[in-house]
Amino acid sequence: MVECAVFLRGINVGRTKRVKVSEITQILERHFGNVRPYGRSGNFVLISELGNGRIAGMIEDELEKNLALKIPCVVLTKDELSAVFDNNPFRDASVEQLYFILTSGTASKRTGEWENNGDAAKLLGGCIYLNCKGPYHETKLSNNFFEKELGVVCTARNWNTVSKILNL
């Protein structure tokens, strides 16, 4: 059994895809052990013997079946998430400016760098590290940009959220 972090894309951040975390937790508890949510925007830690891709597929299927919502998800083992956290290339940036854009599957590139209006992003492995000078919702280097650029589902979390999930 492996401890995994689950990141659902796009729930409870706008007017669409509003879902009670308790509903999602109940759905996840039917299939996984020790399910723990963090926050309201689709962050969970759980235990499973399945691989990341199978966990993501099962969660997406169950959420669509039970909630009638298509919610993409990214799954990393806690060890993988710890490595993502530790490999942050923007060591001198303020933690308030740091975002981790996590990707599902294999991106069309394994490395890359982007800049726009003072924001800088670096793709290393399965994570895009974003040093965002202003509010995240104003950056052009967003989930949507990277999904088009790399051909994979992306979901962003700030430094504080990833730090807390690692400690759940």
Foldseek 3Di string as FASTA:
>chain_A
DFKKKKAWADDPPDDPNDDAPVVLQVLVVVPWAPWDADDRHGIIITDDPDDFVVVQVVSQVSCCVPVVDRIGMGMDTLVRLVVQLVPQPPVVADLVQKKKKFWHDFWPDQWDWDDDPHKIWIHHGGIIIIRHPDDQVPDPPHQVVVCVVTVTGIHMDGSVVSVVSSVD
